[in-house]
């Protein structure tokens, strides 16, 4: 089976699943494939939107139903929540609209937002707008990336397999780094950096009182 038939037959399904899980790399690849004529850009946007929108709604409902303690009881989520909370307190609307652009925080942010008592109706509206904005900007970014490659390489068809493989490889490396970092955070106790308060030894020689 050729590269073209693989992308044409499974490209949209891969995009849907990929954007449901995390999404950046697969969406860039879909935009690149659209530029090469294997996918249609007008379908890349809605498929990516559906994947990310459903995923974020589910994570929001998880936080909404389980509550704050559910987030704070997990060391990895707790650390990330502590990083996001100040931004959420100051720029609530902008965080809901743009959290997908912060790599490695996408899944925890909807859970955190849901656990704060944020209005489900308001989140639905903002999540709808944010998901569509993300799908269009990142997908079109992949499309423009294809145009930039074509401007440099005249006969890009000869190298398209290598180009797609290189982009996929970079995405996998970033994803693996994120996974390894997350495991390291989970393995590190929350108070690993703190030193125990030990009593100070005294240099005096005290004579016992008879």
N, C-alpha and C. Protein backbone atom coordinates (compact mmCIF):
# COMPACT_ATOMS: atom_id res chain seq x y z
N UNK A 1 0.85 -1.20 0.00
CA UNK A 1 0.00 0.00 0.00
C UNK A 1 0.88 1.24 0.00
N UNK A 2 0.58 2.20 -0.87
CA UNK A 2 1.39 3.40 -1.00
C UNK A 2 1.12 4.38 0.12
N UNK A 3 2.04 5.35 0.26
CA UNK A 3 1.87 6.41 1.27
C UNK A 3 0.57 7.17 1.02
N UNK A 4 0.29 7.44 -0.25
CA UNK A 4 -0.92 8.20 -0.58
C UNK A 4 -2.18 7.47 -0.14
N UNK A 5 -2.26 6.16 -0.44
CA UNK A 5 -3.46 5.40 -0.07
C UNK A 5 -3.59 5.25 1.44
N UNK A 6 -2.46 5.14 2.14
CA UNK A 6 -2.49 5.06 3.61
C UNK A 6 -3.10 6.32 4.21
N UNK A 7 -2.61 7.46 3.75
CA UNK A 7 -3.10 8.74 4.29
C UNK A 7 -4.56 8.96 3.91
N UNK A 8 -4.90 8.64 2.66
CA UNK A 8 -6.27 8.86 2.20
C UNK A 8 -7.27 7.97 2.93
N UNK A 9 -6.87 6.72 3.23
CA UNK A 9 -7.78 5.77 3.88
C UNK A 9 -7.88 5.95 5.39
N UNK A 10 -6.76 6.30 6.01
CA UNK A 10 -6.73 6.34 7.48
C UNK A 10 -6.37 7.70 8.06
N UNK A 11 -6.11 8.66 7.21
CA UNK A 11 -5.64 9.96 7.68
C UNK A 11 -6.61 10.67 8.60
N UNK A 12 -7.89 10.69 8.24
CA UNK A 12 -8.87 11.40 9.06
C UNK A 12 -9.12 10.68 10.39
N UNK A 13 -9.11 9.33 10.36
CA UNK A 13 -9.28 8.58 11.60
C UNK A 13 -8.08 8.79 12.53
N UNK A 14 -6.88 8.80 11.96
CA UNK A 14 -5.67 9.05 12.75
C UNK A 14 -5.71 10.46 13.35
N UNK A 15 -6.20 11.41 12.56
CA UNK A 15 -6.32 12.79 13.03
C UNK A 15 -7.32 12.89 14.17
N UNK A 16 -8.45 12.22 14.04
CA UNK A 16 -9.48 12.25 15.08
C UNK A 16 -8.95 11.68 16.39
N UNK A 17 -8.31 10.51 16.33
CA UNK A 17 -7.77 9.88 17.53
C UNK A 17 -6.62 10.69 18.11
N UNK A 18 -5.75 11.19 17.23
CA UNK A 18 -4.59 11.96 17.69
C UNK A 18 -4.98 13.25 18.39
N UNK A 19 -5.96 13.97 17.85
CA UNK A 19 -6.39 15.21 18.49
C UNK A 19 -7.17 14.95 19.77
N UNK A 20 -7.78 13.77 19.86
CA UNK A 20 -8.45 13.42 21.11
C UNK A 20 -7.43 13.20 22.23
N UNK A 21 -6.27 12.61 21.88
CA UNK A 21 -5.25 12.31 22.87
C UNK A 21 -4.40 13.54 23.21
N UNK A 22 -3.84 14.17 22.22
CA UNK A 22 -2.99 15.35 22.46
C UNK A 22 -3.07 16.27 21.25
N UNK A 23 -2.51 15.84 20.12
CA UNK A 23 -2.93 16.45 18.87
C UNK A 23 -2.03 17.33 18.06
N UNK A 24 -1.02 18.00 18.62
CA UNK A 24 -0.29 18.99 17.86
C UNK A 24 0.40 18.41 16.64
N UNK A 25 1.18 17.34 16.86
CA UNK A 25 1.95 16.77 15.77
C UNK A 25 1.07 16.20 14.68
N UNK A 26 0.04 15.45 15.04
CA UNK A 26 -0.82 14.83 14.05
C UNK A 26 -1.57 15.89 13.24
N UNK A 27 -1.90 17.01 13.86
CA UNK A 27 -2.60 18.07 13.15
C UNK A 27 -1.67 18.78 12.16
N UNK A 28 -0.42 18.99 12.55
CA UNK A 28 0.57 19.57 11.63
C UNK A 28 0.77 18.64 10.44
N UNK A 29 0.88 17.33 10.71
CA UNK A 29 1.04 16.35 9.63
C UNK A 29 -0.18 16.35 8.71
N UNK A 30 -1.37 16.50 9.28
CA UNK A 30 -2.59 16.53 8.46
C UNK A 30 -2.60 17.77 7.57
N UNK A 31 -2.15 18.90 8.12
CA UNK A 31 -2.05 20.11 7.30
C UNK A 31 -1.05 19.95 6.18
N UNK A 32 0.07 19.30 6.48
CA UNK A 32 1.09 19.02 5.46
C UNK A 32 0.54 18.08 4.39
N UNK A 33 -0.20 17.04 4.82
CA UNK A 33 -0.81 16.11 3.87
C UNK A 33 -1.85 16.80 3.00
N UNK A 34 -2.56 17.77 3.57
CA UNK A 34 -3.55 18.52 2.80
C UNK A 34 -2.86 19.36 1.72
N UNK A 35 -1.73 19.92 2.04
CA UNK A 35 -0.99 20.69 1.05
C UNK A 35 -0.51 19.81 -0.10
N UNK A 36 -0.17 18.55 0.22
CA UNK A 36 0.28 17.62 -0.81
C UNK A 36 -0.88 17.00 -1.58
N UNK A 37 -2.11 17.30 -1.17
CA UNK A 37 -3.27 16.82 -1.89
C UNK A 37 -3.80 15.49 -1.43
N UNK A 38 -3.27 14.94 -0.32
CA UNK A 38 -3.72 13.65 0.18
C UNK A 38 -4.99 13.78 1.02
N UNK A 39 -5.13 14.91 1.70
CA UNK A 39 -6.33 15.20 2.49
C UNK A 39 -6.89 16.53 2.04
N UNK A 40 -8.12 16.80 2.41
CA UNK A 40 -8.73 18.08 2.10
C UNK A 40 -8.72 18.96 3.34
N UNK A 41 -8.16 20.16 3.18
CA UNK A 41 -8.02 21.06 4.32
C UNK A 41 -9.38 21.40 4.94
N UNK A 42 -10.41 21.48 4.10
CA UNK A 42 -11.74 21.84 4.61
C UNK A 42 -12.28 20.76 5.55
N UNK A 43 -11.75 19.50 5.46
CA UNK A 43 -12.16 18.44 6.37
C UNK A 43 -11.18 18.26 7.52
N UNK A 44 -9.95 18.68 7.33
CA UNK A 44 -8.96 18.59 8.41
C UNK A 44 -9.42 19.42 9.60
N UNK A 45 -9.90 20.62 9.36
CA UNK A 45 -10.32 21.51 10.44
C UNK A 45 -11.44 20.91 11.29
N UNK A 46 -12.58 20.50 10.70
CA UNK A 46 -13.66 19.97 11.55
C UNK A 46 -13.31 18.67 12.26
N UNK A 47 -12.52 17.79 11.61
CA UNK A 47 -12.15 16.53 12.26
C UNK A 47 -11.28 16.81 13.48
N UNK A 48 -10.30 17.71 13.33
CA UNK A 48 -9.44 18.08 14.46
C UNK A 48 -10.25 18.76 15.56
N UNK A 49 -11.19 19.59 15.16
CA UNK A 49 -12.06 20.27 16.12
C UNK A 49 -12.86 19.26 16.94
N UNK A 50 -13.46 18.28 16.28
CA UNK A 50 -14.28 17.29 16.98
C UNK A 50 -13.45 16.51 17.99
N UNK A 51 -12.25 16.08 17.57
CA UNK A 51 -11.39 15.31 18.47
C UNK A 51 -11.02 16.07 19.72
N UNK A 52 -10.55 17.30 19.56
CA UNK A 52 -10.09 18.05 20.72
C UNK A 52 -11.26 18.55 21.57
N UNK A 53 -12.38 18.91 20.94
CA UNK A 53 -13.53 19.43 21.68
C UNK A 53 -14.12 18.35 22.59
N UNK A 54 -14.33 17.16 22.05
CA UNK A 54 -14.90 16.07 22.85
C UNK A 54 -13.96 15.70 24.00
N UNK A 55 -12.67 15.62 23.71
CA UNK A 55 -11.69 15.28 24.74
C UNK A 55 -11.73 16.28 25.89
N UNK A 56 -11.73 17.56 25.57
CA UNK A 56 -11.71 18.58 26.62
C UNK A 56 -13.01 18.63 27.41
N UNK A 57 -14.12 18.36 26.75
CA UNK A 57 -15.39 18.30 27.47
C UNK A 57 -15.39 17.16 28.47
N UNK A 58 -14.85 16.02 28.09
CA UNK A 58 -14.80 14.87 28.99
C UNK A 58 -13.90 15.15 30.19
N UNK A 59 -12.74 15.77 29.95
CA UNK A 59 -11.84 16.09 31.05
C UNK A 59 -12.44 17.14 31.97
N UNK A 60 -13.16 18.09 31.40
CA UNK A 60 -13.84 19.09 32.23
C UNK A 60 -14.87 18.43 33.14
N UNK A 61 -15.68 17.53 32.59
CA UNK A 61 -16.69 16.84 33.37
C UNK A 61 -16.06 15.98 34.46
N UNK A 62 -14.87 15.43 34.18
CA UNK A 62 -14.16 14.65 35.19
C UNK A 62 -13.84 15.52 36.40
N UNK A 63 -13.28 16.70 36.14
CA UNK A 63 -12.97 17.61 37.24
C UNK A 63 -14.21 18.15 37.91
N UNK A 64 -15.26 18.40 37.13
CA UNK A 64 -16.50 18.95 37.67
C UNK A 64 -17.17 17.96 38.63
N UNK A 65 -17.10 16.67 38.30
CA UNK A 65 -17.76 15.65 39.12
C UNK A 65 -16.91 15.20 40.30
N UNK A 66 -15.59 15.13 40.10
CA UNK A 66 -14.70 14.62 41.13
C UNK A 66 -14.26 15.68 42.13
N UNK A 67 -14.17 16.92 41.68
CA UNK A 67 -13.82 18.00 42.59
C UNK A 67 -12.33 18.25 42.73
N UNK A 68 -12.02 19.28 43.53
CA UNK A 68 -10.66 19.76 43.69
C UNK A 68 -9.73 18.70 44.30
N UNK A 69 -10.24 17.94 45.23
CA UNK A 69 -9.41 16.95 45.91
C UNK A 69 -8.91 15.89 44.94
N UNK A 70 -9.68 15.60 43.92
CA UNK A 70 -9.29 14.63 42.91
C UNK A 70 -8.02 15.08 42.19
N UNK A 71 -7.91 16.37 41.94
CA UNK A 71 -6.73 16.92 41.27
C UNK A 71 -5.55 16.99 42.22
N UNK A 72 -5.76 17.52 43.41
CA UNK A 72 -4.67 17.78 44.34
C UNK A 72 -4.11 16.50 44.96
N UNK A 73 -4.84 15.40 44.86
CA UNK A 73 -4.36 14.14 45.44
C UNK A 73 -3.37 13.43 44.53
N UNK A 74 -3.17 13.94 43.32
CA UNK A 74 -2.23 13.35 42.38
C UNK A 74 -1.02 14.26 42.24
N UNK A 75 0.18 13.78 42.61
CA UNK A 75 1.37 14.64 42.64
C UNK A 75 1.64 15.36 41.32
N UNK A 76 1.57 14.64 40.20
CA UNK A 76 1.85 15.27 38.92
C UNK A 76 0.83 16.35 38.61
N UNK A 77 -0.45 16.05 38.78
CA UNK A 77 -1.49 17.03 38.51
C UNK A 77 -1.41 18.20 39.47
N UNK A 78 -1.06 17.91 40.72
CA UNK A 78 -0.98 18.98 41.72
C UNK A 78 0.09 20.00 41.35
N UNK A 79 1.25 19.53 40.89
CA UNK A 79 2.33 20.44 40.51
C UNK A 79 1.91 21.31 39.34
N UNK A 80 1.27 20.70 38.38
CA UNK A 80 0.83 21.47 37.21
C UNK A 80 -0.30 22.42 37.55
N UNK A 81 -1.19 21.99 38.42
CA UNK A 81 -2.29 22.85 38.85
C UNK A 81 -1.76 24.09 39.57
N UNK A 82 -0.71 23.91 40.35
CA UNK A 82 -0.12 25.05 41.06
C UNK A 82 0.51 26.04 40.10
N UNK A 83 0.97 25.57 38.94
CA UNK A 83 1.52 26.45 37.93
C UNK A 83 0.43 27.20 37.18
N UNK A 84 -0.70 26.53 36.96
CA UNK A 84 -1.76 27.11 36.15
C UNK A 84 -2.69 28.01 36.95
N UNK A 85 -2.89 27.71 38.23
CA UNK A 85 -3.89 28.39 39.04
C UNK A 85 -3.75 29.91 39.05
N UNK A 86 -2.53 30.48 39.21
CA UNK A 86 -2.42 31.94 39.18
C UNK A 86 -2.90 32.55 37.87
N UNK A 87 -2.59 31.89 36.74
CA UNK A 87 -3.07 32.38 35.44
C UNK A 87 -4.58 32.26 35.34
N UNK A 88 -5.11 31.16 35.86
CA UNK A 88 -6.55 30.95 35.81
C UNK A 88 -7.29 31.98 36.66
N UNK A 89 -6.70 32.37 37.79
CA UNK A 89 -7.32 33.38 38.66
C UNK A 89 -7.37 34.75 37.98
N UNK A 90 -6.32 35.09 37.22
CA UNK A 90 -6.22 36.42 36.61
C UNK A 90 -6.86 36.50 35.23
N UNK A 91 -6.64 35.45 34.43
CA UNK A 91 -7.05 35.50 33.03
C UNK A 91 -7.92 34.29 32.69
N UNK A 92 -9.01 34.15 33.37
CA UNK A 92 -9.84 32.95 33.28
C UNK A 92 -10.28 32.66 31.85
N UNK A 93 -10.86 33.66 31.19
CA UNK A 93 -11.38 33.46 29.84
C UNK A 93 -10.27 33.11 28.86
N UNK A 94 -9.14 33.82 28.94
CA UNK A 94 -8.04 33.58 28.01
C UNK A 94 -7.41 32.20 28.22
N UNK A 95 -7.37 31.74 29.45
CA UNK A 95 -6.83 30.41 29.72
C UNK A 95 -7.72 29.34 29.10
N UNK A 96 -9.02 29.49 29.25
CA UNK A 96 -9.95 28.51 28.68
C UNK A 96 -9.85 28.50 27.15
N UNK A 97 -9.68 29.67 26.56
CA UNK A 97 -9.59 29.76 25.11
C UNK A 97 -8.27 29.23 24.57
N UNK A 98 -7.19 29.39 25.33
CA UNK A 98 -5.87 29.13 24.77
C UNK A 98 -5.04 28.04 25.41
N UNK A 99 -5.61 27.24 26.32
CA UNK A 99 -4.78 26.26 27.03
C UNK A 99 -4.22 25.18 26.11
N UNK A 100 -4.83 24.96 24.95
CA UNK A 100 -4.33 23.92 24.03
C UNK A 100 -2.95 24.25 23.47
N UNK A 101 -2.58 25.52 23.53
CA UNK A 101 -1.28 25.92 22.98
C UNK A 101 -0.14 25.68 23.97
N UNK A 102 -0.46 25.28 25.21
CA UNK A 102 0.57 24.99 26.21
C UNK A 102 0.81 23.49 26.22
N UNK A 103 1.92 23.07 25.62
CA UNK A 103 2.18 21.65 25.47
C UNK A 103 2.37 20.98 26.83
N UNK A 104 1.76 19.82 27.00
CA UNK A 104 1.89 19.06 28.23
C UNK A 104 0.89 19.46 29.30
N UNK A 105 0.12 20.53 29.07
CA UNK A 105 -0.85 20.99 30.06
C UNK A 105 -2.28 20.84 29.58
N UNK A 106 -2.43 20.40 28.34
CA UNK A 106 -3.76 20.41 27.75
C UNK A 106 -4.77 19.57 28.52
N UNK A 107 -4.39 18.38 28.95
CA UNK A 107 -5.34 17.49 29.61
C UNK A 107 -5.65 17.88 31.05
N UNK A 108 -4.66 18.44 31.74
CA UNK A 108 -4.87 18.80 33.14
C UNK A 108 -5.70 20.07 33.29
N UNK A 109 -5.58 21.01 32.35
CA UNK A 109 -6.27 22.29 32.49
C UNK A 109 -7.79 22.14 32.52
N UNK A 110 -8.42 21.38 31.60
CA UNK A 110 -9.87 21.22 31.70
C UNK A 110 -10.32 20.57 33.00
N UNK A 111 -9.52 19.61 33.51
CA UNK A 111 -9.86 18.98 34.79
C UNK A 111 -9.81 20.01 35.90
N UNK A 112 -8.75 20.82 35.91
CA UNK A 112 -8.60 21.86 36.93
C UNK A 112 -9.74 22.88 36.85
N UNK A 113 -10.07 23.31 35.63
CA UNK A 113 -11.16 24.28 35.46
C UNK A 113 -12.47 23.69 35.97
N UNK A 114 -12.73 22.43 35.63
CA UNK A 114 -13.96 21.79 36.10
C UNK A 114 -14.03 21.66 37.60
N UNK A 115 -12.88 21.47 38.25
CA UNK A 115 -12.86 21.28 39.70
C UNK A 115 -13.05 22.58 40.48
N UNK A 116 -12.99 23.73 39.79
CA UNK A 116 -13.11 25.02 40.47
C UNK A 116 -14.55 25.52 40.53
N UNK A 117 -15.49 24.76 39.97
CA UNK A 117 -16.88 25.21 39.96
C UNK A 117 -17.20 26.11 38.79
N UNK A 118 -16.35 26.09 37.77
CA UNK A 118 -16.58 26.89 36.56
C UNK A 118 -17.88 26.46 35.90
N UNK A 119 -18.63 27.42 35.37
CA UNK A 119 -19.92 27.13 34.76
C UNK A 119 -19.76 26.18 33.56
N UNK A 120 -20.43 25.01 33.58
CA UNK A 120 -20.34 24.09 32.44
C UNK A 120 -20.81 24.72 31.14
N UNK A 121 -21.85 25.55 31.22
CA UNK A 121 -22.37 26.18 30.00
C UNK A 121 -21.35 27.16 29.43
N UNK A 122 -20.73 27.93 30.31
CA UNK A 122 -19.71 28.88 29.85
C UNK A 122 -18.50 28.16 29.27
N UNK A 123 -18.09 27.08 29.93
CA UNK A 123 -16.95 26.31 29.43
C UNK A 123 -17.28 25.73 28.05
N UNK A 124 -18.49 25.25 27.86
CA UNK A 124 -18.89 24.69 26.58
C UNK A 124 -18.71 25.70 25.46
N UNK A 125 -19.15 26.93 25.70
CA UNK A 125 -19.06 27.98 24.68
C UNK A 125 -17.60 28.34 24.41
N UNK A 126 -16.84 28.59 25.48
CA UNK A 126 -15.44 28.97 25.31
C UNK A 126 -14.62 27.83 24.74
N UNK A 127 -14.93 26.61 25.15
CA UNK A 127 -14.22 25.45 24.63
C UNK A 127 -14.51 25.26 23.14
N UNK A 128 -15.74 25.52 22.74
CA UNK A 128 -16.12 25.43 21.33
C UNK A 128 -15.30 26.42 20.50
N UNK A 129 -15.22 27.65 20.97
CA UNK A 129 -14.46 28.68 20.25
C UNK A 129 -12.96 28.37 20.24
N UNK A 130 -12.44 27.98 21.41
CA UNK A 130 -11.02 27.68 21.51
C UNK A 130 -10.61 26.48 20.68
N UNK A 131 -11.45 25.44 20.66
CA UNK A 131 -11.13 24.24 19.89
C UNK A 131 -11.11 24.54 18.39
N UNK A 132 -12.06 25.34 17.94
CA UNK A 132 -12.10 25.68 16.52
C UNK A 132 -10.91 26.56 16.14
N UNK A 133 -10.58 27.53 16.99
CA UNK A 133 -9.43 28.40 16.73
C UNK A 133 -8.14 27.58 16.66
N UNK A 134 -7.97 26.64 17.59
CA UNK A 134 -6.77 25.79 17.61
C UNK A 134 -6.70 24.92 16.36
N UNK A 135 -7.81 24.30 15.98
CA UNK A 135 -7.82 23.42 14.81
C UNK A 135 -7.44 24.17 13.54
N UNK A 136 -7.96 25.39 13.40
CA UNK A 136 -7.68 26.17 12.19
C UNK A 136 -6.25 26.68 12.18
N UNK A 137 -5.78 27.25 13.28
CA UNK A 137 -4.44 27.85 13.29
C UNK A 137 -3.34 26.80 13.16
N UNK A 138 -3.43 25.71 13.92
CA UNK A 138 -2.39 24.68 13.86
C UNK A 138 -2.47 23.90 12.55
N UNK A 139 -3.69 23.59 12.11
CA UNK A 139 -3.85 22.88 10.85
C UNK A 139 -3.36 23.70 9.67
N UNK A 140 -3.71 24.97 9.66
CA UNK A 140 -3.25 25.83 8.58
C UNK A 140 -1.75 26.07 8.68
N UNK A 141 -1.22 26.03 9.92
CA UNK A 141 0.22 26.14 10.09
C UNK A 141 0.94 24.99 9.40
N UNK A 142 0.40 23.78 9.52
CA UNK A 142 0.97 22.63 8.82
C UNK A 142 0.87 22.79 7.31
N UNK A 143 -0.22 23.38 6.85
CA UNK A 143 -0.40 23.63 5.42
C UNK A 143 0.64 24.62 4.91
N UNK A 144 0.86 25.69 5.66
CA UNK A 144 1.87 26.69 5.28
C UNK A 144 3.27 26.10 5.36
N UNK A 145 3.48 25.19 6.31
CA UNK A 145 4.76 24.50 6.41
C UNK A 145 5.04 23.73 5.12
N UNK A 146 4.02 23.13 4.56
CA UNK A 146 4.16 22.43 3.27
C UNK A 146 4.51 23.39 2.16
N UNK A 147 3.91 24.59 2.17
CA UNK A 147 4.22 25.59 1.16
C UNK A 147 5.67 26.06 1.28
N UNK A 148 6.13 26.23 2.53
CA UNK A 148 7.51 26.66 2.74
C UNK A 148 8.49 25.62 2.23
N UNK A 149 8.19 24.35 2.47
CA UNK A 149 9.05 23.27 1.97
C UNK A 149 9.07 23.26 0.45
N UNK A 150 7.91 23.46 -0.16
CA UNK A 150 7.81 23.45 -1.61
C UNK A 150 8.58 24.61 -2.23
N UNK A 151 8.64 25.73 -1.52
CA UNK A 151 9.39 26.88 -2.02
C UNK A 151 10.89 26.61 -2.04
N UNK A 152 11.34 25.77 -1.10
CA UNK A 152 12.77 25.45 -1.01
C UNK A 152 13.12 24.27 -1.91
N UNK A 153 12.26 23.25 -1.92
CA UNK A 153 12.51 22.03 -2.70
C UNK A 153 11.52 22.00 -3.86
N UNK A 154 12.03 22.08 -5.07
CA UNK A 154 11.15 22.15 -6.24
C UNK A 154 10.33 20.88 -6.41
N UNK A 155 11.00 19.75 -6.46
CA UNK A 155 10.29 18.49 -6.66
C UNK A 155 10.07 17.83 -5.30
N UNK A 156 9.16 18.40 -4.52
CA UNK A 156 8.96 17.96 -3.15
C UNK A 156 8.39 16.54 -3.09
N UNK A 157 7.75 16.07 -4.15
CA UNK A 157 7.15 14.73 -4.16
C UNK A 157 8.20 13.64 -3.95
N UNK A 158 9.43 13.91 -4.39
CA UNK A 158 10.49 12.91 -4.23
C UNK A 158 10.89 12.72 -2.78
N UNK A 159 10.67 13.76 -1.97
CA UNK A 159 11.15 13.74 -0.59
C UNK A 159 10.03 13.76 0.44
N UNK A 160 8.77 13.66 -0.02
CA UNK A 160 7.65 13.84 0.89
C UNK A 160 7.63 12.78 2.00
N UNK A 161 8.01 11.55 1.68
CA UNK A 161 8.03 10.50 2.69
C UNK A 161 9.02 10.84 3.80
N UNK A 162 10.20 11.34 3.41
CA UNK A 162 11.21 11.71 4.39
C UNK A 162 10.77 12.91 5.22
N UNK A 163 10.11 13.85 4.57
CA UNK A 163 9.64 15.05 5.27
C UNK A 163 8.59 14.68 6.32
N UNK A 164 7.61 13.87 5.92
CA UNK A 164 6.55 13.45 6.84
C UNK A 164 7.15 12.61 7.97
N UNK A 165 8.09 11.73 7.62
CA UNK A 165 8.74 10.90 8.64
C UNK A 165 9.52 11.77 9.63
N UNK A 166 10.19 12.81 9.13
CA UNK A 166 10.97 13.69 10.01
C UNK A 166 10.07 14.44 10.98
N UNK A 167 8.95 14.97 10.47
CA UNK A 167 8.01 15.68 11.34
C UNK A 167 7.42 14.73 12.38
N UNK A 168 7.06 13.52 11.94
CA UNK A 168 6.51 12.53 12.87
C UNK A 168 7.56 12.14 13.92
N UNK A 169 8.80 12.00 13.50
CA UNK A 169 9.87 11.62 14.43
C UNK A 169 10.07 12.70 15.49
N UNK A 170 10.09 13.95 15.07
CA UNK A 170 10.24 15.06 16.03
C UNK A 170 9.08 15.06 17.02
N UNK A 171 7.87 14.85 16.50
CA UNK A 171 6.71 14.81 17.39
C UNK A 171 6.78 13.66 18.38
N UNK A 172 7.25 12.49 17.93
CA UNK A 172 7.37 11.34 18.83
C UNK A 172 8.42 11.59 19.90
N UNK A 173 9.53 12.22 19.51
CA UNK A 173 10.59 12.54 20.49
C UNK A 173 10.06 13.49 21.56
N UNK A 174 9.33 14.50 21.14
CA UNK A 174 8.75 15.45 22.11
C UNK A 174 7.75 14.75 23.02
N UNK A 175 6.95 13.87 22.42
CA UNK A 175 5.95 13.13 23.20
C UNK A 175 6.61 12.20 24.22
N UNK A 176 7.68 11.50 23.80
CA UNK A 176 8.39 10.61 24.71
C UNK A 176 9.06 11.39 25.83
N UNK A 177 9.60 12.55 25.49
CA UNK A 177 10.20 13.40 26.53
C UNK A 177 9.16 13.82 27.55
N UNK A 178 7.98 14.15 27.07
CA UNK A 178 6.89 14.54 27.96
C UNK A 178 6.48 13.38 28.87
N UNK A 179 6.40 12.17 28.30
CA UNK A 179 6.03 10.99 29.07
C UNK A 179 7.08 10.69 30.14
N UNK A 180 8.36 10.71 29.77
CA UNK A 180 9.45 10.43 30.72
C UNK A 180 9.50 11.47 31.83
N UNK A 181 9.27 12.71 31.45
CA UNK A 181 9.26 13.78 32.46
C UNK A 181 8.10 13.60 33.43
N UNK A 182 6.95 13.19 32.90
CA UNK A 182 5.79 12.97 33.76
C UNK A 182 6.04 11.83 34.74
N UNK A 183 6.67 10.76 34.25
CA UNK A 183 6.98 9.63 35.14
C UNK A 183 7.98 10.03 36.21
N UNK A 184 8.93 10.86 35.84
CA UNK A 184 9.91 11.32 36.82
C UNK A 184 9.25 12.15 37.90
N UNK A 185 8.29 12.98 37.48
CA UNK A 185 7.56 13.80 38.46
C UNK A 185 6.76 12.92 39.41
N UNK A 186 6.16 11.86 38.86
CA UNK A 186 5.37 10.96 39.70
C UNK A 186 6.25 10.20 40.68
N UNK A 187 7.47 9.88 40.24
CA UNK A 187 8.38 9.11 41.09
C UNK A 187 9.03 9.94 42.17
N UNK A 188 9.02 11.27 41.99
CA UNK A 188 9.65 12.17 42.96
C UNK A 188 8.65 12.58 44.02
N UNK A 189 8.91 12.32 45.30
CA UNK A 189 7.99 12.74 46.35
C UNK A 189 7.82 14.24 46.36
N UNK A 190 6.66 14.67 46.81
CA UNK A 190 6.36 16.11 46.81
C UNK A 190 7.33 16.90 47.66
N UNK A 191 7.85 16.31 48.74
CA UNK A 191 8.75 17.03 49.64
C UNK A 191 10.19 16.57 49.44
N UNK A 192 10.54 16.09 48.20
CA UNK A 192 11.88 15.56 47.99
C UNK A 192 12.93 16.62 48.11
N UNK A 193 12.58 17.86 47.77
CA UNK A 193 13.58 18.92 47.81
C UNK A 193 13.76 19.54 49.17
N UNK A 194 12.94 19.21 50.11
CA UNK A 194 13.06 19.82 51.43
C UNK A 194 13.90 18.96 52.34
N UNK A 195 14.65 19.60 53.20
CA UNK A 195 15.51 18.90 54.14
C UNK A 195 14.81 18.78 55.49
N UNK A 196 14.97 17.67 56.16
CA UNK A 196 14.33 17.50 57.46
C UNK A 196 14.96 18.44 58.48
N UNK A 197 14.14 18.91 59.38
CA UNK A 197 14.62 19.79 60.44
C UNK A 197 15.24 18.96 61.55
N UNK A 198 16.56 18.83 61.49
CA UNK A 198 17.27 18.05 62.50
C UNK A 198 17.73 18.96 63.62
N UNK A 199 17.78 18.48 64.82
CA UNK A 199 18.26 19.30 65.92
C UNK A 199 19.73 19.63 65.75
N UNK A 200 20.09 20.85 66.06
CA UNK A 200 21.47 21.30 65.93
C UNK A 200 22.32 20.73 67.07
N UNK A 201 23.45 20.18 66.63
CA UNK A 201 24.36 19.63 67.65
C UNK A 201 25.05 20.77 68.40
N UNK A 202 25.22 20.62 69.65
CA UNK A 202 25.87 21.64 70.47
C UNK A 202 27.32 21.28 70.70
N UNK A 203 28.20 22.30 70.62
CA UNK A 203 29.62 22.09 70.85
C UNK A 203 29.99 22.17 72.32
N UNK A 204 29.02 22.54 73.13
CA UNK A 204 29.34 22.68 74.57
C UNK A 204 29.31 21.32 75.23
N UNK A 205 30.14 21.18 76.19
CA UNK A 205 30.17 19.96 77.01
C UNK A 205 29.48 20.31 78.31
N UNK A 206 28.29 19.78 78.49
CA UNK A 206 27.55 20.13 79.69
C UNK A 206 27.83 19.11 80.76
N UNK A 207 28.12 19.61 81.94
CA UNK A 207 28.38 18.76 83.10
C UNK A 207 27.07 18.40 83.75
N UNK A 208 26.81 17.12 83.89
CA UNK A 208 25.54 16.74 84.53
C UNK A 208 25.44 17.23 85.94
N UNK A 209 24.28 17.67 86.28
CA UNK A 209 24.03 18.14 87.66
C UNK A 209 23.82 16.95 88.56
N UNK A 210 24.58 16.83 89.65
CA UNK A 210 24.40 15.70 90.56
C UNK A 210 23.06 15.76 91.27
